[in-house]
Amino acid sequence: MFRNTRQNLCAMALSVSLSVCSFAVQAGPADKYPESMLYSKPVQVADNVWSAIGATEYYTYENGGHNNNLSFVIGEKGVLVVNGGSAYLLAKALHEEIKKITDKPVLYVVDENGQSHAILGNGYWKEQGATIIAHEEALEEIHELGHSGLENLQGILKEQAKGSSVIEIDQTFEDEMTLDLGGISVKLIRFGPAHSPGDISVYVPERNVVMAGDMAFQQRMLPIFPDTDTAAWLETWHESFVPFVEAHENLIIVPGHGEATDFATVDKWTRGYLEYLRAKVGELLEEGGTLEDAYKIDQSPYAHLDTFEQLAAKNAGRVFEAMEFE
């Protein structure tokens, strides 16, 4: 409805040239749910807990801007949604799927941080009467980058961005907040500094599920932003996240990107990658290496991860620049 499938793109391209068709096929992974603006249909992670797993790539017109996980928890009183989505129509598409499962209202929308794919669909949910919640630090990113993020997504999504806007957050918290959905509770947790300002996780105690958000990655390479403090991220991981995981046996983890999994998996591709890259950069600094050398650091153990080509060298450069002053 909202985009052509890769097959349609190829059929159109055949009238021009076979080489163009080949390029279209290679442009990105095929949309898994072409009848919806969602990249994939929501899957049940646990009883009353669902997640629509986003594409593990950048925003594209074809994936409808759905490149992070959009999750929801259903209680007796109503529904809590994790992430407002990157567009008004994407939020609406998610709501259409929720309404196939329950007729209960969406009471809360919790943004896992202040990034575009967490906040730009908030306007839709606000119209439905939901309370929008985020960490207090996420507000700074929204105020600073929200409108430029909107302009960027409007350029990519075109008509699919219709109705999208930057709206004010209704409620913020500092460390933890607990919400009662009726028969099931949800705890919002700020473990500490991680990938971006205001990163939080959403824990469902009765189902032993934590939607870790951008605290944890798998299947795609994690991005290191100019303001990402990898040393602080690792400190948060070891001092806050690991003790939390150890206190909850067989915890189901829904990362910010990629399918639901276990702790060992996100630990390998998050903590493991951060420590690997920092160790390589540390060796380079000891040898008197330069920023140009950092871009060439061997990251082949992580080459299979999605977005590796776009991020590996950039990540190494940013870690090098940060560690020069640690």
Protein backbone atom coordinates (compact mmCIF):
# COMPACT_ATOMS: atom_id res chain seq x y z
CA MET A 1 0.00 0.00 0.00
CA PHE A 2 2.70 2.45 0.99
CA ARG A 3 5.57 1.22 -1.16
CA ASN A 4 6.53 -1.02 -4.05
CA THR A 5 7.99 -4.39 -3.21
CA ARG A 6 11.42 -5.27 -4.55
CA GLN A 7 9.65 -7.50 -7.11
CA ASN A 8 7.64 -4.58 -8.41
CA LEU A 9 10.75 -2.46 -8.64
CA CYS A 10 12.46 -5.14 -10.68
CA ALA A 11 9.48 -5.54 -13.01
CA MET A 12 9.50 -1.80 -13.65
CA ALA A 13 13.25 -1.78 -14.14
CA LEU A 14 13.17 -4.56 -16.74
CA SER A 15 11.64 -2.13 -19.19
CA VAL A 16 14.79 -0.02 -18.85
CA SER A 17 17.62 -2.52 -18.39
CA LEU A 18 18.49 -5.71 -16.57
CA SER A 19 21.35 -3.94 -14.81
CA VAL A 20 18.97 -1.47 -13.20
CA CYS A 21 16.83 -4.36 -12.00
CA SER A 22 19.87 -5.99 -10.45
CA PHE A 23 20.68 -2.77 -8.61
CA ALA A 24 17.12 -2.51 -7.27
CA VAL A 25 17.27 -6.02 -5.86
CA GLN A 26 20.58 -5.29 -4.14
CA ALA A 27 19.46 -1.95 -2.71
CA GLY A 28 18.28 -3.51 0.55
CA PRO A 29 16.48 -6.50 2.08
CA ALA A 30 13.02 -7.27 0.75
CA ASP A 31 10.17 -5.83 2.78
CA LYS A 32 8.68 -8.61 4.89
CA TYR A 33 5.19 -7.12 5.13
CA PRO A 34 4.48 -5.24 1.86
CA GLU A 35 0.77 -4.81 2.58
CA SER A 36 1.63 -2.54 5.52
CA MET A 37 3.98 0.38 6.06
CA LEU A 38 5.57 -1.80 8.75
CA TYR A 39 8.70 -3.62 7.63
CA SER A 40 7.52 -6.78 9.41
CA LYS A 41 4.35 -8.03 11.04
CA PRO A 42 4.39 -7.99 14.87
CA VAL A 43 5.46 -11.27 16.46
CA GLN A 44 4.60 -12.48 19.95
CA VAL A 45 7.68 -12.39 22.17
CA ALA A 46 5.82 -13.60 25.27
CA ASP A 47 2.22 -13.67 26.48
CA ASN A 48 0.85 -10.12 26.04
CA VAL A 49 4.19 -8.86 24.67
CA TRP A 50 4.66 -8.22 20.94
CA SER A 51 7.28 -6.61 18.72
CA ALA A 52 7.35 -5.52 15.08
CA ILE A 53 11.02 -6.07 14.22
CA GLY A 54 12.39 -3.29 12.03
CA ALA A 55 14.83 -3.53 9.15
CA THR A 56 18.46 -3.75 10.28
CA GLU A 57 19.50 -1.01 7.88
CA TYR A 58 19.14 2.73 7.52
CA TYR A 59 15.86 4.49 6.80
CA THR A 60 14.66 3.90 3.25
CA TYR A 61 11.48 4.60 1.35
CA GLU A 62 11.09 0.84 0.89
CA ASN A 63 11.22 0.02 4.61
CA GLY A 64 8.90 2.92 5.41
CA GLY A 65 11.27 4.29 8.02
CA HIS A 66 10.69 1.17 10.12
CA ASN A 67 14.29 0.37 11.02
CA ASN A 68 13.93 -0.11 14.77
CA ASN A 69 11.78 -2.37 16.90
CA LEU A 70 8.25 -1.16 17.66
CA SER A 71 6.91 -3.17 20.60
CA PHE A 72 3.78 -3.23 22.71
CA VAL A 73 2.49 -4.75 25.94
CA ILE A 74 -1.21 -5.55 26.49
CA GLY A 75 -2.79 -5.36 29.96
CA GLU A 76 -6.35 -5.56 31.20
CA LYS A 77 -6.68 -1.78 31.27
CA GLY A 78 -4.90 -0.99 28.05
CA VAL A 79 -1.75 -1.06 25.93
CA LEU A 80 1.74 0.38 26.29
CA VAL A 81 3.69 1.00 23.06
CA VAL A 82 7.48 1.18 23.01
CA ASN A 83 8.61 3.80 20.45
CA GLY A 84 6.31 6.21 18.69
CA GLY A 85 7.85 5.30 15.33
CA SER A 86 9.55 7.41 12.67
CA ALA A 87 6.35 8.66 11.03
CA TYR A 88 2.68 9.37 11.72
CA LEU A 89 1.53 6.78 9.16
CA LEU A 90 3.96 4.17 10.50
CA ALA A 91 2.48 4.65 13.97
CA LYS A 92 -0.99 4.27 12.46
CA ALA A 93 0.08 1.05 10.72
CA LEU A 94 1.32 -0.34 14.03
CA HIS A 95 -1.97 0.62 15.70
CA GLU A 96 -3.89 -1.22 13.01
CA GLU A 97 -1.97 -4.37 13.93
CA ILE A 98 -2.58 -3.80 17.65
CA LYS A 99 -6.32 -3.50 17.00
CA LYS A 100 -6.28 -6.92 15.31
CA ILE A 101 -5.13 -8.36 18.65
CA THR A 102 -7.01 -6.26 21.22
CA ASP A 103 -9.66 -3.55 21.36
CA LYS A 104 -8.09 -2.00 24.46
CA PRO A 105 -6.86 1.60 24.17
CA VAL A 106 -3.23 2.61 23.92
CA LEU A 107 -2.60 4.31 27.26
CA TYR A 108 1.13 5.03 27.04
CA VAL A 109 3.82 5.45 24.42
CA VAL A 110 7.36 5.20 25.75
CA ASP A 111 10.21 6.52 23.60
CA GLU A 112 13.42 4.58 24.17
CA ASN A 113 15.44 7.74 23.37
CA GLY A 114 15.14 11.01 21.46
CA GLN A 115 16.03 9.69 18.00
CA SER A 116 13.77 10.21 14.99
CA HIS A 117 12.55 6.62 14.78
CA ALA A 118 11.42 6.79 18.40
CA ILE A 119 9.60 10.14 18.36
CA LEU A 120 8.28 11.29 14.98
CA GLY A 121 5.14 9.15 15.15
CA ASN A 122 4.22 10.50 18.60
CA GLY A 123 1.68 12.89 17.13
CA TYR A 124 -0.49 10.00 15.97
CA TRP A 125 -0.49 8.41 19.41
CA LYS A 126 -1.24 11.72 21.07
CA GLU A 127 -4.37 11.97 18.90
CA GLN A 128 -5.42 8.57 20.28
CA GLY A 129 -5.21 9.91 23.83
CA ALA A 130 -1.95 8.21 24.82
CA THR A 131 0.48 9.73 27.33
CA ILE A 132 3.95 10.14 25.76
CA ILE A 133 6.84 9.33 28.11
CA ALA A 134 10.62 9.59 27.72
CA HIS A 135 13.71 10.04 29.83
CA GLU A 136 14.51 13.62 30.77
CA GLU A 137 17.80 13.55 28.84
CA ALA A 138 15.95 12.57 25.66
CA LEU A 139 14.28 15.98 25.70
CA GLU A 140 17.59 17.69 24.97
CA GLU A 141 18.09 15.61 21.82
CA ILE A 142 14.50 16.18 20.71
CA HIS A 143 14.80 19.94 21.16
CA GLU A 144 18.19 20.05 19.43
CA LEU A 145 17.74 17.58 16.59
CA GLY A 146 14.04 16.77 16.35
CA HIS A 147 13.17 19.15 13.51
CA SER A 148 16.28 18.38 11.44
CA GLY A 149 15.47 14.69 11.86
CA LEU A 150 11.94 15.36 10.66
CA GLU A 151 13.22 17.15 7.55
CA ASN A 152 15.56 14.24 6.83
CA LEU A 153 12.77 11.67 7.10
CA GLN A 154 10.43 13.78 4.99
CA GLY A 155 13.03 13.73 2.24
CA ILE A 156 13.40 9.95 2.45
CA LEU A 157 9.82 8.85 3.05
CA LYS A 158 8.11 11.49 0.88
CA GLU A 159 4.31 11.00 1.07
CA GLN A 160 4.79 8.34 3.75
CA ALA A 161 5.92 11.12 6.11
CA LYS A 162 2.56 12.91 5.86
CA GLY A 163 1.30 14.05 9.27
CA SER A 164 4.62 13.48 11.03
CA SER A 165 5.71 16.15 13.49
CA VAL A 166 7.80 16.87 16.56
CA ILE A 167 5.56 17.17 19.64
CA GLU A 168 6.29 17.78 23.28
CA ILE A 169 6.78 14.82 25.63
CA ASP A 170 4.03 14.61 28.26
CA GLN A 171 6.02 13.06 31.09
CA THR A 172 9.67 12.37 31.88
CA PHE A 173 11.53 10.42 34.55
CA GLU A 174 15.08 10.21 35.87
CA ASP A 175 15.87 6.66 37.06
CA GLU A 176 12.77 4.43 37.06
CA MET A 177 9.03 4.60 36.52
CA THR A 178 6.44 1.83 36.96
CA LEU A 179 3.18 1.74 35.02
CA ASP A 180 0.20 -0.50 35.81
CA LEU A 181 -1.57 -1.84 32.72
CA GLY A 182 -3.91 -4.04 34.72
CA GLY A 183 -2.74 -7.55 35.55
CA ILE A 184 0.66 -6.73 34.13
CA SER A 185 3.12 -3.99 35.05
CA VAL A 186 5.86 -2.29 33.08
CA LYS A 187 8.98 -0.74 34.57
CA LEU A 188 10.91 1.95 32.67
CA ILE A 189 14.60 1.82 33.59
CA ARG A 190 17.50 4.14 32.91
CA PHE A 191 20.51 1.86 33.37
CA GLY A 192 22.97 4.65 32.62
CA PRO A 193 24.80 6.26 29.68
CA ALA A 194 24.83 4.07 26.60
CA HIS A 195 24.32 4.60 22.88
CA SER A 196 22.61 8.00 22.90
CA PRO A 197 21.17 10.59 25.33
CA GLY A 198 18.13 9.37 27.22
CA ASP A 199 18.47 5.67 26.36
CA ILE A 200 16.08 3.60 28.46
CA SER A 201 14.89 0.01 28.68
CA VAL A 202 11.38 -1.32 29.27
CA TYR A 203 11.01 -4.30 31.60
CA VAL A 204 7.92 -6.48 31.92
CA PRO A 205 8.42 -8.37 35.22
CA GLU A 206 5.48 -10.78 34.85
CA ARG A 207 6.81 -11.97 31.48
CA ASN A 208 10.56 -11.80 32.18
CA VAL A 209 11.04 -9.64 29.07
CA VAL A 210 13.17 -6.54 28.76
CA MET A 211 12.99 -4.32 25.68
CA ALA A 212 16.56 -3.14 26.06
CA GLY A 213 16.40 -0.48 23.36
CA ASP A 214 19.73 0.83 22.13
CA MET A 215 21.48 -0.43 25.23
CA ALA A 216 21.88 -3.70 23.31
CA PHE A 217 22.44 -4.65 19.67
CA GLN A 218 22.56 -7.78 17.56
CA GLN A 219 22.34 -8.62 13.83
CA ARG A 220 23.39 -5.10 12.85
CA MET A 221 26.53 -3.20 13.80
CA LEU A 222 25.97 -0.67 16.54
CA PRO A 223 26.61 2.94 15.52
CA ILE A 224 28.88 5.18 17.55
CA PHE A 225 27.68 8.78 17.41
CA PRO A 226 29.89 11.85 18.00
CA ASP A 227 28.39 12.13 21.50
CA THR A 228 28.50 8.40 22.29
CA ASP A 229 30.79 7.70 25.26
CA THR A 230 31.87 4.09 24.73
CA ALA A 231 33.72 3.97 28.06
CA ALA A 232 30.57 5.04 29.90
CA TRP A 233 28.49 2.59 27.85
CA LEU A 234 30.73 -0.28 28.95
CA GLU A 235 30.59 0.92 32.54
CA THR A 236 26.79 0.93 32.39
CA TRP A 237 26.87 -2.54 30.86
CA HIS A 238 29.07 -4.07 33.54
CA GLU A 239 27.79 -2.19 36.58
CA SER A 240 24.06 -1.94 35.84
CA PHE A 241 22.89 -4.12 32.97
CA VAL A 242 24.80 -7.31 33.80
CA PRO A 243 23.66 -7.37 37.46
CA PHE A 244 20.08 -6.84 36.26
CA VAL A 245 20.35 -9.75 33.83
CA GLU A 246 21.96 -12.01 36.42
CA ALA A 247 19.03 -11.37 38.74
CA HIS A 248 16.54 -12.62 36.12
CA GLU A 249 17.03 -16.17 34.87
CA ASN A 250 16.16 -16.89 31.21
CA LEU A 251 15.48 -13.24 30.49
CA ILE A 252 14.12 -12.53 27.00
CA ILE A 253 15.83 -9.51 25.48
CA VAL A 254 14.34 -7.44 22.66
CA PRO A 255 17.20 -5.21 21.45
CA GLY A 256 16.65 -1.85 19.80
CA HIS A 257 17.42 -3.48 16.45
CA GLY A 258 17.17 -7.15 15.54
CA GLU A 259 15.12 -10.08 16.74
CA ALA A 260 14.38 -11.04 20.33
CA THR A 261 17.21 -13.09 21.79
CA ASP A 262 19.13 -13.89 24.98
CA PHE A 263 21.78 -12.03 26.94
CA ALA A 264 24.72 -14.03 25.60
CA THR A 265 23.91 -12.89 22.07
CA VAL A 266 23.58 -9.16 22.77
CA ASP A 267 26.61 -9.33 25.07
CA LYS A 268 28.72 -10.75 22.24
CA TRP A 269 27.71 -8.15 19.66
CA THR A 270 27.47 -5.15 21.98
CA ARG A 271 29.94 -5.41 24.87
CA GLY A 272 32.17 -7.68 22.80
CA TYR A 273 32.36 -5.26 19.90
CA LEU A 274 32.92 -2.19 22.06
CA GLU A 275 35.76 -3.84 23.97
CA TYR A 276 37.30 -5.22 20.77
CA LEU A 277 37.30 -1.84 19.04
CA ARG A 278 38.57 0.04 22.09
CA ALA A 279 41.40 -2.48 22.50
CA LYS A 280 42.42 -2.07 18.85
CA VAL A 281 42.33 1.72 19.14
CA GLY A 282 44.32 1.54 22.40
CA GLU A 283 47.05 -0.46 20.66
CA LEU A 284 47.11 2.04 17.82
CA LEU A 285 47.48 4.98 20.20
CA GLU A 286 50.35 3.28 22.01
CA GLU A 287 52.10 2.84 18.67
CA GLY A 288 51.64 6.51 17.77
CA GLY A 289 49.06 5.77 15.11
CA THR A 290 46.89 8.39 13.44
CA LEU A 291 43.20 8.88 12.76
CA GLU A 292 43.81 7.70 9.23
CA ASP A 293 45.23 4.46 10.65
CA ALA A 294 42.14 4.05 12.82
CA TYR A 295 39.91 3.92 9.76
CA LYS A 296 41.90 0.89 8.61
CA ILE A 297 41.58 -1.14 11.85
CA ASP A 298 40.70 -4.76 11.13
CA GLN A 299 37.09 -5.30 12.15
CA SER A 300 36.58 -8.44 10.07
CA PRO A 301 35.13 -10.48 12.99
CA TYR A 302 32.08 -8.19 12.70
CA ALA A 303 31.91 -7.93 8.90
CA HIS A 304 28.78 -10.10 8.70
CA LEU A 305 26.72 -7.60 10.69
CA ASP A 306 24.28 -5.43 8.75
CA THR A 307 25.47 -1.80 8.25
CA PHE A 308 29.10 -2.92 8.67
CA GLU A 309 30.20 -1.18 5.48
CA GLN A 310 28.56 2.08 6.49
CA LEU A 311 29.70 2.11 10.12
CA ALA A 312 32.91 0.19 10.81
CA ALA A 313 35.46 2.80 9.75
CA LYS A 314 33.36 5.67 11.09
CA ASN A 315 33.04 3.92 14.47
CA ALA A 316 36.78 3.39 14.68
CA GLY A 317 37.48 7.03 13.90
CA ARG A 318 35.12 8.26 16.58
CA VAL A 319 36.54 5.92 19.21
CA PHE A 320 40.06 7.04 18.26
CA GLU A 321 39.16 10.72 18.65
CA ALA A 322 37.51 10.06 22.02
CA MET A 323 40.29 7.86 23.43
CA GLU A 324 42.96 10.42 22.55
CA PHE A 325 41.58 12.49 25.45
CA GLU A 326 40.68 9.73 27.93
